N, C-alpha and C. Protein backbone atom coordinates (compact mmCIF):
# COMPACT_ATOMS: atom_id res chain seq x y z
N MET A 1 30.16 21.65 58.61
CA MET A 1 29.45 20.79 57.69
C MET A 1 28.90 19.60 58.47
N SER A 2 27.79 19.11 58.05
CA SER A 2 27.13 18.00 58.71
C SER A 2 27.79 16.67 58.37
N GLN A 3 27.70 15.75 59.31
CA GLN A 3 28.15 14.40 59.01
C GLN A 3 27.05 13.70 58.24
N VAL A 4 27.44 12.77 57.40
CA VAL A 4 26.48 12.09 56.56
C VAL A 4 26.58 10.60 56.78
N ARG A 5 25.45 9.95 56.90
CA ARG A 5 25.39 8.50 56.95
C ARG A 5 24.88 8.03 55.61
N ILE A 6 25.70 7.33 54.87
CA ILE A 6 25.32 6.86 53.54
C ILE A 6 24.67 5.49 53.67
N LEU A 7 23.49 5.37 53.12
CA LEU A 7 22.76 4.11 53.17
C LEU A 7 22.90 3.38 51.85
N PRO A 8 23.13 2.08 51.88
CA PRO A 8 23.21 1.33 50.62
C PRO A 8 21.90 1.42 49.85
N ARG A 9 22.00 1.45 48.52
CA ARG A 9 20.79 1.52 47.68
C ARG A 9 19.85 0.34 47.92
N SER A 10 20.41 -0.81 48.29
CA SER A 10 19.58 -1.99 48.46
C SER A 10 18.81 -1.98 49.78
N LEU A 11 19.14 -1.06 50.67
CA LEU A 11 18.47 -1.01 51.96
C LEU A 11 17.04 -0.54 51.78
N LYS A 12 16.10 -1.27 52.33
CA LYS A 12 14.69 -0.93 52.18
C LYS A 12 14.15 -0.40 53.50
N ALA A 13 13.06 0.35 53.40
CA ALA A 13 12.41 0.89 54.59
C ALA A 13 11.86 -0.26 55.43
N PRO A 14 11.83 -0.09 56.74
CA PRO A 14 11.26 -1.13 57.59
C PRO A 14 9.78 -1.35 57.27
N PRO A 15 9.27 -2.56 57.50
CA PRO A 15 7.86 -2.83 57.21
C PRO A 15 6.95 -1.83 57.92
N GLY A 16 6.00 -1.29 57.16
CA GLY A 16 5.03 -0.37 57.74
C GLY A 16 5.58 1.01 58.04
N GLY A 17 6.79 1.31 57.62
CA GLY A 17 7.34 2.63 57.92
C GLY A 17 8.40 3.03 56.93
N ALA A 18 8.78 4.26 57.01
CA ALA A 18 9.81 4.78 56.12
C ALA A 18 10.96 5.30 56.97
N PHE A 19 12.08 5.50 56.33
CA PHE A 19 13.22 6.09 57.03
C PHE A 19 12.89 7.53 57.40
N LEU A 20 13.33 7.94 58.54
CA LEU A 20 13.13 9.31 58.96
C LEU A 20 14.31 10.19 58.57
N TYR A 21 15.35 9.57 58.07
CA TYR A 21 16.56 10.29 57.69
C TYR A 21 16.39 10.86 56.29
N MET A 22 16.67 12.14 56.13
CA MET A 22 16.55 12.76 54.82
C MET A 22 17.82 13.56 54.56
N LYS A 23 18.29 13.55 53.33
CA LYS A 23 19.49 14.29 52.97
C LYS A 23 19.10 15.53 52.17
N PHE A 24 19.88 16.56 52.36
CA PHE A 24 19.73 17.79 51.59
C PHE A 24 21.07 18.08 50.95
N TYR A 25 21.02 18.69 49.78
CA TYR A 25 22.24 18.90 49.01
C TYR A 25 22.40 20.35 48.62
N PHE A 26 23.63 20.82 48.63
CA PHE A 26 24.06 22.01 47.92
C PHE A 26 24.79 21.48 46.70
N TYR A 27 24.52 22.04 45.52
CA TYR A 27 25.15 21.51 44.31
C TYR A 27 25.53 22.63 43.36
N ILE A 28 26.48 22.32 42.49
CA ILE A 28 26.89 23.25 41.44
C ILE A 28 26.75 22.52 40.11
N LEU A 29 26.05 23.15 39.18
CA LEU A 29 25.89 22.64 37.83
C LEU A 29 26.77 23.45 36.89
N TYR A 30 27.14 22.83 35.78
CA TYR A 30 27.91 23.54 34.75
C TYR A 30 27.34 23.20 33.39
N SER A 31 27.23 24.22 32.53
CA SER A 31 26.80 24.04 31.15
C SER A 31 27.97 24.39 30.24
N LYS A 32 28.43 23.43 29.45
CA LYS A 32 29.50 23.69 28.48
C LYS A 32 29.02 24.64 27.39
N GLN A 33 27.78 24.45 26.95
CA GLN A 33 27.23 25.28 25.87
C GLN A 33 27.21 26.76 26.26
N LEU A 34 26.77 27.05 27.48
CA LEU A 34 26.68 28.44 27.93
C LEU A 34 27.94 28.91 28.66
N ASN A 35 28.80 27.97 29.03
CA ASN A 35 29.99 28.26 29.83
C ASN A 35 29.60 28.99 31.11
N LEU A 36 28.57 28.45 31.79
CA LEU A 36 28.04 29.05 33.02
C LEU A 36 27.91 28.01 34.12
N TYR A 37 28.01 28.52 35.36
CA TYR A 37 27.75 27.70 36.54
C TYR A 37 26.42 28.09 37.13
N TYR A 38 25.79 27.16 37.82
CA TYR A 38 24.54 27.41 38.55
C TYR A 38 24.67 26.73 39.90
N GLN A 39 24.34 27.46 40.97
CA GLN A 39 24.37 26.88 42.32
C GLN A 39 22.94 26.76 42.84
N GLY A 40 22.68 25.67 43.56
CA GLY A 40 21.35 25.48 44.12
C GLY A 40 21.39 24.53 45.30
N HIS A 41 20.23 24.31 45.90
CA HIS A 41 20.09 23.33 46.97
C HIS A 41 18.78 22.59 46.76
N THR A 42 18.71 21.38 47.31
CA THR A 42 17.51 20.56 47.13
C THR A 42 17.37 19.51 48.21
N GLY A 43 16.15 19.05 48.40
CA GLY A 43 15.86 17.91 49.25
C GLY A 43 15.57 16.67 48.42
N ASN A 44 15.49 16.85 47.10
CA ASN A 44 15.32 15.73 46.18
C ASN A 44 16.65 15.00 46.00
N THR A 45 16.62 13.87 45.34
CA THR A 45 17.88 13.23 44.97
C THR A 45 18.56 14.11 43.94
N LEU A 46 19.86 14.02 43.85
CA LEU A 46 20.58 14.82 42.85
C LEU A 46 20.19 14.43 41.44
N GLU A 47 19.93 13.14 41.24
CA GLU A 47 19.51 12.67 39.91
C GLU A 47 18.19 13.30 39.50
N GLU A 48 17.24 13.37 40.43
CA GLU A 48 15.93 13.96 40.14
C GLU A 48 16.05 15.46 39.89
N ARG A 49 16.85 16.13 40.70
CA ARG A 49 17.00 17.57 40.53
C ARG A 49 17.66 17.89 39.19
N LEU A 50 18.67 17.12 38.81
CA LEU A 50 19.33 17.34 37.52
C LEU A 50 18.35 17.08 36.37
N ARG A 51 17.54 16.06 36.50
CA ARG A 51 16.53 15.78 35.47
C ARG A 51 15.60 16.98 35.30
N LYS A 52 15.19 17.59 36.41
CA LYS A 52 14.31 18.76 36.33
C LYS A 52 15.00 19.95 35.67
N HIS A 53 16.27 20.15 36.00
CA HIS A 53 17.01 21.26 35.38
C HIS A 53 17.13 21.06 33.87
N ASN A 54 17.26 19.82 33.42
CA ASN A 54 17.44 19.53 32.00
C ASN A 54 16.12 19.28 31.27
N SER A 55 14.99 19.46 31.94
CA SER A 55 13.69 19.24 31.31
C SER A 55 13.15 20.56 30.77
N ASN A 56 12.00 20.49 30.10
CA ASN A 56 11.34 21.69 29.59
C ASN A 56 10.68 22.42 30.75
N HIS A 57 11.19 23.58 31.08
CA HIS A 57 10.64 24.40 32.15
C HIS A 57 11.07 25.84 31.91
N LYS A 58 10.56 26.75 32.73
CA LYS A 58 10.97 28.14 32.65
C LYS A 58 11.97 28.38 33.78
N GLY A 59 12.87 29.30 33.56
CA GLY A 59 13.85 29.63 34.58
C GLY A 59 15.24 29.69 34.01
N PHE A 60 16.21 30.00 34.88
CA PHE A 60 17.59 30.22 34.46
C PHE A 60 18.16 29.02 33.71
N THR A 61 17.92 27.82 34.20
CA THR A 61 18.54 26.64 33.59
C THR A 61 17.79 26.12 32.37
N SER A 62 16.72 26.79 31.98
CA SER A 62 15.94 26.31 30.83
C SER A 62 16.58 26.64 29.49
N ARG A 63 17.61 27.46 29.48
CA ARG A 63 18.23 27.90 28.21
C ARG A 63 19.00 26.80 27.50
N THR A 64 19.35 25.75 28.21
CA THR A 64 20.09 24.64 27.60
C THR A 64 19.76 23.36 28.36
N LYS A 65 20.09 22.25 27.75
CA LYS A 65 19.78 20.94 28.37
C LYS A 65 21.05 20.13 28.62
N ASP A 66 22.19 20.82 28.73
CA ASP A 66 23.44 20.08 28.93
C ASP A 66 24.04 20.27 30.33
N TRP A 67 23.21 20.64 31.30
CA TRP A 67 23.71 20.83 32.66
C TRP A 67 24.24 19.52 33.22
N GLU A 68 25.35 19.61 33.93
CA GLU A 68 25.90 18.44 34.62
C GLU A 68 26.32 18.86 36.02
N ILE A 69 26.21 17.94 36.96
CA ILE A 69 26.63 18.21 38.33
C ILE A 69 28.14 18.10 38.39
N VAL A 70 28.79 19.19 38.81
CA VAL A 70 30.24 19.17 38.91
C VAL A 70 30.71 19.14 40.36
N TYR A 71 29.79 19.40 41.30
CA TYR A 71 30.15 19.42 42.71
C TYR A 71 28.89 19.33 43.56
N PHE A 72 28.98 18.69 44.72
CA PHE A 72 27.88 18.71 45.67
C PHE A 72 28.39 18.46 47.08
N GLU A 73 27.60 18.92 48.06
CA GLU A 73 27.85 18.66 49.47
C GLU A 73 26.54 18.18 50.07
N THR A 74 26.61 17.34 51.09
CA THR A 74 25.43 16.76 51.71
C THR A 74 25.25 17.34 53.12
N PHE A 75 24.00 17.63 53.48
CA PHE A 75 23.67 18.22 54.78
C PHE A 75 22.49 17.49 55.40
N GLN A 76 22.33 17.65 56.70
CA GLN A 76 21.22 17.02 57.41
C GLN A 76 19.96 17.88 57.41
N THR A 77 20.10 19.19 57.21
CA THR A 77 18.93 20.06 57.20
C THR A 77 18.91 20.93 55.94
N LYS A 78 17.72 21.35 55.57
CA LYS A 78 17.55 22.22 54.41
C LYS A 78 18.21 23.57 54.65
N SER A 79 18.11 24.07 55.88
CA SER A 79 18.69 25.38 56.17
C SER A 79 20.21 25.36 56.04
N GLU A 80 20.86 24.27 56.40
CA GLU A 80 22.32 24.16 56.23
C GLU A 80 22.69 24.19 54.74
N ALA A 81 21.94 23.46 53.93
CA ALA A 81 22.20 23.43 52.49
C ALA A 81 21.98 24.82 51.89
N TYR A 82 20.92 25.49 52.32
CA TYR A 82 20.63 26.83 51.82
C TYR A 82 21.71 27.83 52.24
N GLN A 83 22.15 27.72 53.49
CA GLN A 83 23.21 28.62 53.98
C GLN A 83 24.49 28.44 53.16
N ARG A 84 24.82 27.21 52.81
CA ARG A 84 26.02 26.97 52.00
C ARG A 84 25.85 27.56 50.59
N GLU A 85 24.65 27.41 50.03
CA GLU A 85 24.37 28.00 48.72
C GLU A 85 24.58 29.52 48.76
N MET A 86 24.05 30.17 49.78
CA MET A 86 24.18 31.62 49.90
C MET A 86 25.64 32.02 50.11
N GLU A 87 26.38 31.23 50.87
CA GLU A 87 27.80 31.50 51.10
C GLU A 87 28.57 31.52 49.78
N VAL A 88 28.32 30.52 48.95
CA VAL A 88 29.02 30.44 47.66
C VAL A 88 28.55 31.54 46.72
N LYS A 89 27.25 31.81 46.69
CA LYS A 89 26.72 32.85 45.81
C LYS A 89 27.25 34.24 46.18
N LYS A 90 27.50 34.48 47.46
CA LYS A 90 28.02 35.78 47.89
C LYS A 90 29.42 36.02 47.35
N MET A 91 30.14 34.96 47.06
CA MET A 91 31.49 35.11 46.52
C MET A 91 31.45 35.72 45.11
N LYS A 92 30.40 35.44 44.36
CA LYS A 92 30.20 35.98 43.00
C LYS A 92 31.46 35.87 42.15
N SER A 93 32.08 34.72 42.19
CA SER A 93 33.34 34.57 41.47
C SER A 93 33.40 33.21 40.79
N ARG A 94 33.62 33.22 39.49
CA ARG A 94 33.80 31.96 38.76
C ARG A 94 35.05 31.26 39.26
N LYS A 95 36.09 32.04 39.58
CA LYS A 95 37.34 31.47 40.06
C LYS A 95 37.10 30.69 41.36
N TYR A 96 36.32 31.26 42.29
CA TYR A 96 36.01 30.59 43.55
C TYR A 96 35.18 29.34 43.29
N THR A 97 34.18 29.46 42.43
CA THR A 97 33.32 28.31 42.12
C THR A 97 34.15 27.16 41.55
N ARG A 98 35.06 27.47 40.63
CA ARG A 98 35.92 26.43 40.07
C ARG A 98 36.85 25.84 41.12
N SER A 99 37.28 26.65 42.08
CA SER A 99 38.25 26.17 43.07
C SER A 99 37.64 25.15 44.04
N ILE A 100 36.31 25.22 44.28
CA ILE A 100 35.73 24.26 45.22
C ILE A 100 35.28 22.98 44.56
N ASN A 101 35.32 22.90 43.24
CA ASN A 101 34.92 21.64 42.62
C ASN A 101 36.04 20.96 41.96
């Protein structure tokens, strides 16, 4: 797993430039209404990604609007986050998914 440097929310980008550091996430959502888990990865903030899952859209998570993040991991690259998502999805087990969160 990658090491993560957490930046305070109040930290602003240097004048004339932006931070070059970007975080990627592997996350697990849970819907009480459907009693289902969903695993994914993103380069967006977790708040933004959750908002999209709970908005009007087509796809697996569109069936309900009560998704909540129950677990996440932070990575330095998108490929690391994707690899972790695939690792968990290969387990195909609710018991395993519950055990890591």
